[in-house]
Amino acid sequence: MAPAEQSPDNAYAIGYALQPSKVGSVFQPSLATLAAERGMRLVAIDASRPLADQGPFHLIVHKLYDRPWRAQLEAFSAMLPSVPVLDPPTAIDRLLDRATMLDAVPGLGIPGVGVPRQVAVRDAAALADPEMLASAGLRFPLIAKPLAVDGSAASHAMSLVYRREGLRQGRPWGGSALGLRNLMTGPGLRGLQPPLVLQEFVNHGGVLFKVYVAGDGATCVRRRSLPDVREEHLLLADDPSVVPFANVSSLPPPDDAGDADSMTMSPAAGFVDEVARALRRALGLHLFNFDMIRGESGRYYLIDINYFPGYAKLPGYEIALTEFFAKTLDLQIDHAQIGTASSLDCKVQELELARPDISPSYVSRAAKGF
């Protein structure tokens, strides 16, 4: 394949490769239209065909993790090293394992920013080990998260564990919506399924800050999260010792941020930008988001990082991604034409999203504050 040149219609080709179910979360017609107006053409890549038979491309963005695709990217980069590939699979790998996902955070060097204590549990024997929690310095309540992150619904099926009785192995969940409902109401409610990560739950006022990063830009949206856990709830033997949930950060935002206390008020834009930039450098990634909470002490905790999230959830995301693509290609963008500023340029927004599929029993408990 020869080096890519501008096509006859003077458009730079940006190839994208995602699972079909994920394409609409980023590559919508509105993005394609704006990119075309700025001299860029969005081209869907067929991952089943050799990249050498497609294109030419000036930039490739992707969210595929299988070995054949990685081999394709390696061969493509060896042939055309001048074409950016975002992001390198070796950099993405860290985010696909929750045991390593947050490793970079303690080294950011930002005062008041850290991660909750956690431990990786790789099999049933480790889960049953009575010394496991003590050796890791963990205390209840805990969040149990699947160890692997592969973009499936199963990798987002989590549980809040209140007491030691909740640390028992249960039946696997097949990943379907019906399976999730059965897990929440049936025998699977009583058990966990390794491999998983146990992360110490930090009371945070029921509010989570989700920060979207695209190159140098970042925006923070305030989302509803799990409610705080009262100490007395940990002692209620008649209540479930483990409660499953999924995609809690997709809950609608809390009530008016103007009434928020110090724990739930949105962080300053400058602080969001500082954390996002430091994390981008540490991870070597350009397209990701992270979940951040503020504990009762005022300390911020990063609890999850996701690669190439669904930017289409953000109002005005088309401007931000168009500008990001243009900067990557070293194109000149007329800001007067596409907007006064990128919507992902260090802003804090309120965003309302659809309520996720959480069982009625869980929702009622959440409303009561557990």
Protein backbone atom coordinates (compact mmCIF):
# COMPACT_ATOMS: atom_id res chain seq x y z
CA MET A 1 0.00 0.00 0.00
CA ALA A 2 1.41 3.36 -0.99
CA PRO A 3 1.47 6.26 1.47
CA ALA A 4 -1.93 7.89 1.68
CA GLU A 5 -2.51 11.05 -0.28
CA GLN A 6 -5.58 13.26 -0.31
CA SER A 7 -8.34 11.70 -2.35
CA PRO A 8 -9.67 13.46 -5.46
CA ASP A 9 -12.39 15.11 -3.35
CA ASN A 10 -9.64 16.62 -1.13
CA ALA A 11 -10.76 14.60 1.89
CA TYR A 12 -8.44 13.00 4.39
CA ALA A 13 -9.57 9.43 5.12
CA ILE A 14 -10.11 8.43 8.74
CA GLY A 15 -10.67 4.69 9.04
CA TYR A 16 -12.57 3.39 12.04
CA ALA A 17 -12.93 -0.19 13.30
CA LEU A 18 -15.42 -1.03 16.04
CA GLN A 19 -17.86 -3.78 16.82
CA PRO A 20 -21.09 -3.14 14.85
CA SER A 21 -23.01 -2.61 18.08
CA LYS A 22 -20.58 0.13 19.15
CA VAL A 23 -20.37 2.14 15.92
CA GLY A 24 -23.45 4.24 16.69
CA SER A 25 -22.03 5.29 20.07
CA VAL A 26 -19.44 7.42 18.24
CA PHE A 27 -19.80 7.50 14.46
CA GLN A 28 -23.16 9.08 13.83
CA PRO A 29 -24.22 10.89 10.62
CA SER A 30 -23.85 14.27 12.33
CA LEU A 31 -20.15 13.55 12.97
CA ALA A 32 -19.61 12.37 9.40
CA THR A 33 -21.26 15.53 8.06
CA LEU A 34 -19.17 17.91 10.13
CA ALA A 35 -15.96 16.00 9.38
CA ALA A 36 -16.74 16.15 5.64
CA GLU A 37 -17.22 19.91 5.87
CA ARG A 38 -13.72 20.13 7.33
CA GLY A 39 -12.10 17.98 4.65
CA MET A 40 -12.18 14.61 6.43
CA ARG A 41 -13.97 11.45 5.34
CA LEU A 42 -14.97 8.75 7.86
CA VAL A 43 -14.50 5.27 6.42
CA ALA A 44 -15.71 2.05 8.07
CA ILE A 45 -12.98 -0.61 8.10
CA ASP A 46 -13.89 -4.24 7.48
CA ALA A 47 -11.73 -6.03 10.07
CA SER A 48 -12.22 -9.34 8.25
CA ARG A 49 -10.32 -8.03 5.21
CA PRO A 50 -6.64 -7.05 5.01
CA LEU A 51 -6.04 -3.38 5.66
CA ALA A 52 -3.77 -3.35 2.62
CA ASP A 53 -6.86 -3.96 0.47
CA GLN A 54 -8.70 -0.99 1.96
CA GLY A 55 -7.99 2.71 2.26
CA PRO A 56 -5.69 4.46 1.80
CA PHE A 57 -6.01 5.97 5.28
CA HIS A 58 -4.51 9.04 6.89
CA LEU A 59 -5.59 8.02 10.40
CA ILE A 60 -7.01 4.86 12.00
CA VAL A 61 -9.05 4.77 15.20
CA HIS A 62 -10.26 1.47 16.60
CA LYS A 63 -11.79 -0.51 19.46
CA LEU A 64 -11.13 -4.12 18.55
CA TYR A 65 -9.04 -6.41 20.72
CA ASP A 66 -8.73 -9.81 19.01
CA ARG A 67 -5.39 -11.22 17.86
CA PRO A 68 -6.07 -11.13 14.09
CA TRP A 69 -6.88 -7.44 14.30
CA ARG A 70 -3.76 -6.70 16.33
CA ALA A 71 -1.69 -8.55 13.74
CA GLN A 72 -3.29 -6.42 11.03
CA LEU A 73 -2.43 -3.21 12.85
CA GLU A 74 1.17 -4.31 13.43
CA ALA A 75 1.62 -5.11 9.75
CA PHE A 76 -0.03 -1.85 8.73
CA SER A 77 2.16 0.24 11.05
CA ALA A 78 5.29 -1.54 9.85
CA MET A 79 4.34 -0.74 6.25
CA LEU A 80 3.13 2.83 6.88
CA PRO A 81 4.67 4.08 10.14
CA SER A 82 3.66 7.68 9.35
CA VAL A 83 -0.07 6.91 9.60
CA PRO A 84 -1.28 7.37 13.21
CA VAL A 85 -3.09 4.43 14.80
CA LEU A 86 -5.13 5.42 17.85
CA ASP A 87 -4.54 3.95 20.13
CA PRO A 88 -1.66 1.43 20.23
CA PRO A 89 -2.94 -1.98 21.39
CA THR A 90 -0.07 -2.29 23.88
CA ALA A 91 -1.27 0.90 25.60
CA ILE A 92 -4.90 -0.23 25.57
CA ASP A 93 -4.05 -3.58 27.18
CA ARG A 94 -3.70 -2.05 30.65
CA LEU A 95 -7.35 -0.95 30.60
CA LEU A 96 -8.62 -4.41 29.66
CA ASP A 97 -7.61 -5.83 33.06
CA ARG A 98 -9.01 -4.21 36.20
CA ALA A 99 -6.03 -5.52 38.15
CA THR A 100 -3.76 -3.11 36.22
CA MET A 101 -6.26 -0.49 35.03
CA LEU A 102 -5.57 2.00 37.84
CA ASP A 103 -1.84 1.34 38.31
CA ALA A 104 -0.83 4.66 36.77
CA VAL A 105 -2.96 6.82 39.08
CA PRO A 106 -0.75 6.84 42.22
CA GLY A 107 2.16 8.03 40.09
CA LEU A 108 0.35 11.06 38.66
CA GLY A 109 1.75 13.24 41.42
CA ILE A 110 -1.49 15.21 41.94
CA PRO A 111 -2.22 15.92 45.63
CA GLY A 112 -5.56 14.61 46.83
CA VAL A 113 -5.98 12.10 44.00
CA GLY A 114 -5.72 8.34 44.45
CA VAL A 115 -7.49 5.02 44.07
CA PRO A 116 -9.47 2.87 46.52
CA ARG A 117 -7.75 -0.19 47.96
CA GLN A 118 -8.45 -3.29 45.89
CA VAL A 119 -7.33 -6.86 45.32
CA ALA A 120 -7.56 -9.19 42.33
CA VAL A 121 -9.30 -12.51 43.02
CA ARG A 122 -8.49 -14.99 40.28
CA ASP A 123 -10.18 -18.18 41.47
CA ALA A 124 -12.61 -19.67 44.00
CA ALA A 125 -9.82 -20.65 46.38
CA ALA A 126 -8.65 -17.06 46.68
CA LEU A 127 -12.23 -15.88 47.18
CA ALA A 128 -12.66 -18.34 50.05
CA ASP A 129 -9.36 -17.40 51.74
CA PRO A 130 -10.28 -15.82 55.11
CA GLU A 131 -7.00 -13.87 55.18
CA MET A 132 -7.41 -12.30 51.75
CA LEU A 133 -9.12 -9.10 52.82
CA ALA A 134 -6.91 -8.53 55.84
CA SER A 135 -3.72 -8.93 53.84
CA ALA A 136 -4.98 -6.38 51.29
CA GLY A 137 -6.18 -4.01 54.01
CA LEU A 138 -9.77 -4.07 52.71
CA ARG A 139 -12.90 -3.38 54.72
CA PHE A 140 -16.57 -3.82 53.87
CA PRO A 141 -18.50 -2.73 51.92
CA LEU A 142 -16.77 -3.79 48.70
CA ILE A 143 -17.51 -3.50 45.00
CA ALA A 144 -16.97 -6.74 43.07
CA LYS A 145 -16.07 -6.12 39.42
CA PRO A 146 -15.23 -8.63 36.66
CA LEU A 147 -11.49 -8.73 36.10
CA ALA A 148 -11.65 -8.65 32.29
CA VAL A 149 -12.98 -5.64 30.38
CA ASP A 150 -14.07 -6.61 26.88
CA GLY A 151 -16.93 -4.22 26.16
CA SER A 152 -19.60 -6.85 26.85
CA ALA A 153 -22.50 -6.41 29.25
CA ALA A 154 -20.94 -9.08 31.45
CA SER A 155 -17.82 -6.98 32.05
CA HIS A 156 -20.04 -4.25 33.56
CA ALA A 157 -22.06 -6.56 35.83
CA MET A 158 -20.96 -5.65 39.35
CA SER A 159 -22.04 -6.31 42.92
CA LEU A 160 -22.00 -4.39 46.17
CA VAL A 161 -20.85 -6.73 48.95
CA TYR A 162 -21.78 -5.79 52.53
CA ARG A 163 -20.51 -8.70 54.58
CA ARG A 164 -18.25 -11.71 54.37
CA GLU A 165 -21.18 -14.00 53.59
CA GLY A 166 -21.38 -12.26 50.24
CA LEU A 167 -17.92 -13.55 49.30
CA ARG A 168 -18.98 -16.90 48.01
CA GLN A 169 -18.80 -18.27 44.52
CA GLY A 170 -22.03 -18.31 42.53
CA ARG A 171 -23.15 -19.46 39.13
CA PRO A 172 -21.74 -17.73 36.04
CA TRP A 173 -23.82 -15.10 34.27
CA GLY A 174 -24.25 -15.67 30.55
CA GLY A 175 -24.29 -11.97 29.67
CA SER A 176 -27.90 -11.54 28.49
CA ALA A 177 -30.39 -9.05 29.93
CA LEU A 178 -32.56 -11.96 31.05
CA GLY A 179 -29.55 -13.55 32.71
CA LEU A 180 -28.85 -10.33 34.57
CA ARG A 181 -32.42 -10.16 35.88
CA ASN A 182 -32.21 -13.80 36.95
CA LEU A 183 -28.90 -13.12 38.67
CA MET A 184 -30.47 -10.26 40.60
CA THR A 185 -33.48 -12.27 41.77
CA GLY A 186 -32.43 -15.91 41.75
CA PRO A 187 -29.84 -18.15 43.40
CA GLY A 188 -26.98 -16.25 41.72
CA LEU A 189 -27.78 -13.32 44.03
CA ARG A 190 -25.95 -15.22 46.76
CA GLY A 191 -22.63 -15.57 45.02
CA LEU A 192 -19.80 -14.04 43.01
CA GLN A 193 -17.95 -15.41 40.01
CA PRO A 194 -14.12 -15.10 39.85
CA PRO A 195 -11.94 -13.86 38.33
CA LEU A 196 -12.82 -10.47 39.72
CA VAL A 197 -11.53 -7.41 41.55
CA LEU A 198 -12.73 -6.47 45.02
CA GLN A 199 -12.53 -2.70 45.42
CA GLU A 200 -13.24 -0.91 48.68
CA PHE A 201 -16.43 1.12 48.46
CA VAL A 202 -15.94 4.78 49.35
CA ASN A 203 -18.94 6.85 50.44
CA HIS A 204 -19.20 9.71 47.94
CA GLY A 205 -22.60 11.30 48.29
CA GLY A 206 -24.18 9.21 45.54
CA VAL A 207 -22.52 11.26 42.80
CA LEU A 208 -19.91 10.19 40.25
CA PHE A 209 -17.88 12.40 37.89
CA LYS A 210 -17.33 10.86 34.47
CA VAL A 211 -14.55 12.59 32.54
CA TYR A 212 -14.30 12.15 28.76
CA VAL A 213 -10.88 12.69 27.18
CA ALA A 214 -10.11 13.27 23.50
CA GLY A 215 -6.50 14.31 23.05
CA ASP A 216 -5.87 17.53 24.97
CA GLY A 217 -9.57 18.12 25.67
CA ALA A 218 -11.59 16.89 28.63
CA THR A 219 -15.13 17.32 29.88
CA CYS A 220 -16.71 16.21 33.13
CA VAL A 221 -20.33 15.14 33.48
CA ARG A 222 -21.99 14.68 36.84
CA ARG A 223 -23.83 11.38 37.20
CA ARG A 224 -25.89 9.68 39.86
CA SER A 225 -24.05 6.81 41.55
CA LEU A 226 -24.58 4.28 44.33
CA PRO A 227 -25.83 5.89 47.53
CA ASP A 228 -23.67 6.00 50.64
CA VAL A 229 -23.70 2.91 52.85
CA ARG A 230 -24.57 3.49 56.47
CA GLU A 231 -22.53 1.64 59.09
CA GLU A 232 -25.62 -0.01 60.56
CA HIS A 233 -26.48 -1.58 57.21
CA LEU A 234 -23.33 -3.69 57.40
CA LEU A 235 -24.79 -5.39 60.48
CA LEU A 236 -28.27 -6.19 59.14
CA ALA A 237 -28.11 -9.97 58.87
CA ASP A 238 -31.64 -10.19 57.45
CA ASP A 239 -30.75 -8.11 54.39
CA PRO A 240 -28.87 -9.49 51.36
CA SER A 241 -25.12 -9.62 51.86
CA VAL A 242 -24.50 -8.87 48.17
CA VAL A 243 -26.55 -6.79 45.69
CA PRO A 244 -25.80 -6.94 41.94
CA PHE A 245 -26.06 -3.90 39.69
CA ALA A 246 -24.93 -2.80 36.23
CA ASN A 247 -24.03 0.51 34.53
CA VAL A 248 -24.91 2.59 37.57
CA SER A 249 -23.09 5.62 36.10
CA SER A 250 -25.75 5.74 33.35
CA LEU A 251 -28.34 6.84 35.90
CA PRO A 252 -29.75 10.36 35.40
CA PRO A 253 -27.74 13.17 36.98
CA PRO A 254 -28.49 14.21 40.56
CA ASP A 255 -30.73 17.14 41.32
CA ASP A 256 -29.59 20.70 40.78
CA ALA A 257 -25.84 20.92 41.33
CA GLY A 258 -26.42 24.27 43.03
CA ASP A 259 -27.70 22.38 46.06
CA ALA A 260 -24.76 19.97 46.13
CA ASP A 261 -22.53 19.71 49.17
CA SER A 262 -18.74 19.69 49.08
CA MET A 263 -18.70 15.98 48.28
CA THR A 264 -21.06 16.11 45.32
CA MET A 265 -20.42 19.51 43.75
CA SER A 266 -18.69 19.38 40.36
CA PRO A 267 -14.89 19.73 40.49
CA ALA A 268 -13.22 22.82 39.06
CA ALA A 269 -12.52 22.67 35.32
CA GLY A 270 -8.83 23.35 35.90
CA PHE A 271 -8.57 20.37 38.24
CA VAL A 272 -10.38 18.11 35.75
CA ASP A 273 -7.98 19.23 33.04
CA GLU A 274 -4.94 18.58 35.22
CA VAL A 275 -6.00 15.02 36.06
CA ALA A 276 -7.01 14.25 32.47
CA ARG A 277 -3.73 15.50 30.99
CA ALA A 278 -1.61 13.67 33.56
CA LEU A 279 -3.53 10.45 33.02
CA ARG A 280 -3.30 10.75 29.23
CA ARG A 281 0.49 11.07 29.46
CA ALA A 282 0.78 8.20 31.93
CA LEU A 283 -1.39 5.84 29.89
CA GLY A 284 -0.14 6.88 26.45
CA LEU A 285 -3.74 7.06 25.25
CA HIS A 286 -5.80 9.71 23.46
CA LEU A 287 -9.38 8.40 23.60
CA PHE A 288 -10.77 7.30 26.98
CA ASN A 289 -12.88 8.30 29.95
CA PHE A 290 -12.54 7.77 33.67
CA ASP A 291 -14.89 7.64 36.64
CA MET A 292 -13.96 9.77 39.63
CA ILE A 293 -15.61 10.26 43.02
CA ARG A 294 -14.95 12.56 46.00
CA GLY A 295 -14.84 10.90 49.40
CA GLU A 296 -15.95 12.33 52.73
CA SER A 297 -12.42 13.55 53.41
CA GLY A 298 -12.38 15.59 50.20
CA ARG A 299 -9.95 13.23 48.51
CA TYR A 300 -10.71 12.22 44.92
CA TYR A 301 -10.64 8.57 43.86
CA LEU A 302 -10.43 7.21 40.32
CA ILE A 303 -12.41 3.98 40.25
CA ASP A 304 -12.57 2.99 36.57
CA ILE A 305 -11.01 3.88 33.19
CA ASN A 306 -12.59 2.94 29.85
CA TYR A 307 -11.06 3.03 26.39
CA PHE A 308 -12.83 4.80 23.49
CA PRO A 309 -16.17 5.45 25.24
CA GLY A 310 -19.50 6.44 23.70
CA TYR A 311 -18.79 10.10 22.98
CA ALA A 312 -22.15 10.50 21.23
CA LYS A 313 -23.75 10.75 24.69
CA LEU A 314 -22.24 14.23 25.01
CA PRO A 315 -23.98 17.23 23.44
CA GLY A 316 -21.75 18.79 20.80
CA TYR A 317 -19.35 15.87 20.71
CA GLU A 318 -19.07 16.22 16.92
CA ILE A 319 -17.14 19.48 17.27
CA ALA A 320 -14.75 17.98 19.80
CA LEU A 321 -13.92 14.87 17.80
CA THR A 322 -13.67 16.77 14.52
CA GLU A 323 -11.15 19.10 16.10
CA PHE A 324 -9.28 16.19 17.64
CA PHE A 325 -9.03 14.39 14.30
CA ALA A 326 -7.87 17.60 12.63
CA LYS A 327 -5.16 18.19 15.24
CA THR A 328 -3.96 14.63 14.86
CA LEU A 329 -3.72 15.11 11.11
CA ASP A 330 -2.11 18.54 11.63
CA LEU A 331 -4.90 20.27 9.73
CA GLN A 332 -5.90 23.88 10.20
CA ILE A 333 -9.38 24.27 11.66
CA ASP A 334 -11.46 27.45 11.37
CA HIS A 335 -12.93 27.74 14.87
CA ALA A 336 -15.30 30.48 13.73
CA GLN A 337 -16.96 27.95 11.43
CA ILE A 338 -17.13 24.87 13.64
CA GLY A 339 -17.82 26.61 16.95
CA THR A 340 -16.14 28.91 19.42
CA ALA A 341 -14.57 26.08 21.39
CA SER A 342 -14.48 22.33 21.64
CA SER A 343 -17.21 20.93 23.87
CA LEU A 344 -14.57 18.62 25.33
CA ASP A 345 -12.27 21.52 26.17
CA CYS A 346 -12.03 21.33 29.95
CA LYS A 347 -15.69 21.83 30.79
CA VAL A 348 -18.06 20.54 33.44
CA GLN A 349 -21.52 19.63 32.17
CA GLU A 350 -24.77 18.22 33.47
CA LEU A 351 -26.01 15.35 31.30
CA GLU A 352 -29.26 13.40 31.51
CA LEU A 353 -29.19 9.80 30.32
CA ALA A 354 -31.67 6.95 30.26
CA ARG A 355 -32.09 4.88 33.40
CA PRO A 356 -30.28 1.52 33.11
CA ASP A 357 -31.81 -1.90 33.49
CA ILE A 358 -31.65 -2.29 37.27
CA SER A 359 -34.09 -4.45 39.16
CA PRO A 360 -36.94 -2.69 41.00
CA SER A 361 -35.70 -4.06 44.32
CA TYR A 362 -32.31 -2.47 43.76
CA VAL A 363 -33.82 0.88 42.77
CA SER A 364 -36.00 0.98 45.87
CA ARG A 365 -32.98 0.27 48.04
CA ALA A 366 -30.97 2.94 46.29
CA ALA A 367 -33.75 5.45 46.90
CA LYS A 368 -33.61 4.65 50.62
CA GLY A 369 -29.86 5.17 50.72
CA PHE A 370 -29.16 1.53 51.69
